[in-house]
Amino acid sequence: MATFKFELVSPERILFSGDVVSVIIPASEGEMTVLAGHAPLVATLKAGIVFVQ
């Protein structure tokens, strides 16, 4: 499977940085799944769980 570079950052530090297959995030606009080949994305998150594969 194709992978991509994913970084989860807060104003204070990088929380996660690595190659992943997919990420499901609780964005303020609703839950989003990101796969390899997705356009670059910056999103505001709401409280919830981030799933990284």
N, C-alpha and C. Protein backbone atom coordinates (compact mmCIF):
# COMPACT_ATOMS: atom_id res chain seq x y z
N MET A 1 0.83 -1.19 0.00
CA MET A 1 0.00 0.00 0.00
C MET A 1 0.88 1.25 0.00
N ALA A 2 0.37 2.27 -0.62
CA ALA A 2 1.10 3.54 -0.68
C ALA A 2 1.06 4.22 0.69
N THR A 3 2.15 4.89 1.03
CA THR A 3 2.22 5.63 2.28
C THR A 3 2.46 7.10 1.99
N PHE A 4 2.28 7.92 3.02
CA PHE A 4 2.57 9.34 2.91
C PHE A 4 3.06 9.86 4.25
N LYS A 5 3.71 11.01 4.22
CA LYS A 5 4.24 11.64 5.42
C LYS A 5 3.10 12.37 6.13
N PHE A 6 2.91 12.07 7.43
CA PHE A 6 1.86 12.70 8.23
C PHE A 6 2.48 13.33 9.46
N GLU A 7 2.08 14.56 9.75
CA GLU A 7 2.51 15.23 10.97
C GLU A 7 1.30 15.78 11.69
N LEU A 8 1.21 15.47 12.97
CA LEU A 8 0.19 16.03 13.85
C LEU A 8 0.91 16.99 14.78
N VAL A 9 0.56 18.27 14.68
CA VAL A 9 1.29 19.29 15.45
C VAL A 9 0.34 20.09 16.32
N SER A 10 0.87 20.54 17.44
CA SER A 10 0.16 21.47 18.32
C SER A 10 0.98 22.76 18.32
N PRO A 11 0.46 23.82 18.90
CA PRO A 11 1.26 25.06 18.96
C PRO A 11 2.59 24.87 19.72
N GLU A 12 2.64 23.88 20.60
CA GLU A 12 3.83 23.68 21.42
C GLU A 12 4.86 22.73 20.81
N ARG A 13 4.39 21.70 20.07
CA ARG A 13 5.34 20.68 19.60
C ARG A 13 4.72 19.78 18.54
N ILE A 14 5.55 18.95 17.92
CA ILE A 14 5.08 17.92 17.00
C ILE A 14 4.63 16.73 17.85
N LEU A 15 3.38 16.31 17.68
CA LEU A 15 2.84 15.20 18.46
C LEU A 15 3.12 13.86 17.79
N PHE A 16 3.14 13.84 16.46
CA PHE A 16 3.44 12.62 15.70
C PHE A 16 4.00 13.03 14.35
N SER A 17 4.99 12.29 13.89
CA SER A 17 5.54 12.51 12.56
C SER A 17 6.01 11.16 12.03
N GLY A 18 5.50 10.75 10.88
CA GLY A 18 5.92 9.48 10.33
C GLY A 18 5.18 9.14 9.05
N ASP A 19 5.57 8.02 8.44
CA ASP A 19 4.92 7.53 7.24
C ASP A 19 3.71 6.69 7.64
N VAL A 20 2.58 6.94 7.00
CA VAL A 20 1.33 6.24 7.34
C VAL A 20 0.62 5.81 6.07
N VAL A 21 -0.33 4.88 6.21
CA VAL A 21 -1.17 4.43 5.10
C VAL A 21 -2.44 5.27 5.05
N SER A 22 -3.03 5.53 6.22
CA SER A 22 -4.25 6.35 6.28
C SER A 22 -4.35 7.01 7.64
N VAL A 23 -5.14 8.08 7.68
CA VAL A 23 -5.39 8.81 8.92
C VAL A 23 -6.86 9.20 8.93
N ILE A 24 -7.52 8.98 10.06
CA ILE A 24 -8.90 9.45 10.25
C ILE A 24 -8.84 10.50 11.36
N ILE A 25 -9.30 11.70 11.04
CA ILE A 25 -9.20 12.81 11.98
C ILE A 25 -10.57 13.42 12.26
N PRO A 26 -10.79 13.87 13.51
CA PRO A 26 -12.03 14.57 13.84
C PRO A 26 -11.89 16.06 13.54
N ALA A 27 -12.04 16.44 12.29
CA ALA A 27 -11.88 17.84 11.89
C ALA A 27 -13.10 18.65 12.33
N SER A 28 -12.93 19.95 12.42
CA SER A 28 -14.04 20.80 12.84
C SER A 28 -15.20 20.74 11.85
N GLU A 29 -14.92 20.38 10.58
CA GLU A 29 -15.97 20.26 9.56
C GLU A 29 -16.61 18.88 9.55
N GLY A 30 -16.09 17.95 10.34
CA GLY A 30 -16.57 16.57 10.38
C GLY A 30 -15.41 15.61 10.26
N GLU A 31 -15.67 14.33 10.46
CA GLU A 31 -14.62 13.32 10.39
C GLU A 31 -14.08 13.21 8.97
N MET A 32 -12.75 13.14 8.83
CA MET A 32 -12.11 13.07 7.52
C MET A 32 -11.15 11.89 7.48
N THR A 33 -11.14 11.18 6.36
CA THR A 33 -10.15 10.13 6.11
C THR A 33 -9.19 10.63 5.04
N VAL A 34 -7.90 10.52 5.30
CA VAL A 34 -6.89 10.97 4.36
C VAL A 34 -6.06 9.76 3.94
N LEU A 35 -5.88 9.60 2.63
CA LEU A 35 -5.10 8.51 2.06
C LEU A 35 -3.97 9.08 1.22
N ALA A 36 -3.03 8.24 0.83
CA ALA A 36 -1.93 8.67 -0.04
C ALA A 36 -2.50 9.27 -1.32
N GLY A 37 -1.89 10.34 -1.79
CA GLY A 37 -2.35 11.01 -3.00
C GLY A 37 -3.34 12.13 -2.74
N HIS A 38 -3.78 12.28 -1.48
CA HIS A 38 -4.71 13.35 -1.13
C HIS A 38 -3.99 14.69 -1.27
N ALA A 39 -4.72 15.72 -1.61
CA ALA A 39 -4.13 17.06 -1.68
C ALA A 39 -3.60 17.45 -0.30
N PRO A 40 -2.53 18.24 -0.23
CA PRO A 40 -2.05 18.70 1.08
C PRO A 40 -3.19 19.35 1.86
N LEU A 41 -3.19 19.14 3.17
CA LEU A 41 -4.32 19.55 3.98
C LEU A 41 -3.85 20.12 5.31
N VAL A 42 -4.43 21.24 5.69
CA VAL A 42 -4.28 21.80 7.03
C VAL A 42 -5.69 21.94 7.57
N ALA A 43 -5.97 21.33 8.72
CA ALA A 43 -7.33 21.36 9.26
C ALA A 43 -7.30 21.62 10.75
N THR A 44 -8.33 22.29 11.23
CA THR A 44 -8.52 22.48 12.66
C THR A 44 -9.24 21.24 13.19
N LEU A 45 -8.71 20.67 14.28
CA LEU A 45 -9.32 19.48 14.85
C LEU A 45 -10.21 19.84 16.02
N LYS A 46 -11.23 19.01 16.23
CA LYS A 46 -12.03 19.12 17.44
C LYS A 46 -11.60 17.98 18.36
N ALA A 47 -12.07 17.99 19.58
CA ALA A 47 -11.71 16.93 20.52
C ALA A 47 -12.15 15.58 19.97
N GLY A 48 -11.30 14.59 20.08
CA GLY A 48 -11.63 13.26 19.59
C GLY A 48 -10.38 12.43 19.42
N ILE A 49 -10.54 11.30 18.77
CA ILE A 49 -9.46 10.34 18.59
C ILE A 49 -8.96 10.41 17.15
N VAL A 50 -7.64 10.43 16.98
CA VAL A 50 -7.01 10.39 15.66
C VAL A 50 -6.56 8.95 15.44
N PHE A 51 -7.03 8.32 14.37
CA PHE A 51 -6.65 6.95 14.04
C PHE A 51 -5.58 7.00 12.95
N VAL A 52 -4.44 6.37 13.22
CA VAL A 52 -3.32 6.35 12.28
C VAL A 52 -3.01 4.90 11.95
N GLN A 53 -2.91 4.60 10.65
CA GLN A 53 -2.57 3.24 10.23
C GLN A 53 -1.30 3.31 9.41
